[in-house]
Amino acid sequence: MAKLGVRKFDDLIGRTELLDMKKGIEHWKAKGLDFSRVFQMPDMPAEVARFHSEKQDHGLEKALDNRLIELAKPAIERGEKVSIDMPIRNGNRTVGAMLSYEIAKRYGHDGLPDDTIRVRFAGSAGQSFGAFLAKGVTLEVLGDTNDYCGKGLSGGRIAVSPSPKFRGEPTENIITGNVVLYGAIAGEAYFRGVAGERFAVRNSGATAVVEGVGDHGCEYMTGGTVAVLGVTGRNFAAGMSGGIAYVLDIDGDFARRCNTAMVDLEPVVTESEQQAKLSRDLWHRGHADEAILRGMIERHASLTGSRRAQEILSKWGEYRGRFVKVFPKEYRRALGELAAAHRKAAA
């Protein structure tokens, strides 16, 4: 861009004649490209603004988080445990995001000790409930949540259970919306009920338990662990390159609904099978699938009172064999290379 000696960056807005292709790019695909339509500026009167010229009012002073931050001050400032109870409605959006900012500003990604701030809501939470929730914060909902619940979850914990007034069967009813846990990097989420489409899409580190999901579950997932204690929709695991999913194959038809282009379907590894693998597979060191899965279900039962979880645990010998492990092929390859590198270093 030519030097114009302008005093304000705003003076450059709309000056499409200053845009040009970088001359250092010499590639046959770039030759002959015509950007004239991309750079075209429509004829507009001088009084029409071409850059940011007015302030937007996002209504943040009305956000429920302002009250949460006030009540959680002993925790934020002195690390004291805080317990809060309050109602919530679907107009309350991104609840927990501003609170998490206050925590991250002081403590970074490490956040606070587990369960330092515990908030129990009653009602129907709005979009992006628990977005970017920081470590040390537990949000419980007796009711339901909307789309993008747990978006960007960053170490916090979310537990959603039906209202005590609900008389339906949780495993047959939606309790949280679409695109839940989008881009989550850490933390836990438990849903006593069914989630909408694209559950755990782009999850890269969170642990989650749900009692059924719509289409495209675990889409583009790169990390974390998900347990589905019920039926899934079609195209499960599309683009899934990392992490692990355990799915209860209730009707024996899960393989038809799973996109196996990038994943393998395997049985859950038991403790005894784990011991047999230790001698040859470094990536199986640690807990076996059975221990991981059972621990997640026990946690789900404890936090949500799930009858489905309690039934599975009471008949573990019967249900364990009905779970399918969804194991990304790329993840297996990476773990294999890591194992080979460790064996080489130990030789």
Foldseek 3Di string as FASTA:
>chain_A
DDDDVDDDPLVCQLVLVPDDDDPVDDDPVPPPDDCCVVSDDDDDDPVDDRDDDDDDCPPPVPAPVVVVQVQCVCCLPPNAAGEEEEEAEQVRELPQPVVQVSQCVPPNQVGGAARSYEYEYEYEYHYQACACHGANYEYEYADAYEYQDQAQPRHYEYEYEHHPPDDDQQLVDERYEECYNHCHAEHEYEYSHEYEYAACAQPEAYEYEYAEYEAAYNHLHAAYEYEHNYYYYAAYCHNYAHYKYKYQQPPVCVVRRYDPPFWDKDAFQDPVNLVVCVVPAVVSPDDGRLVVVLVSLVVNCVRHVHPSSVVCVVPVVVRSRRMIMIGTPNHVVVSVVVRVVVVVVVD
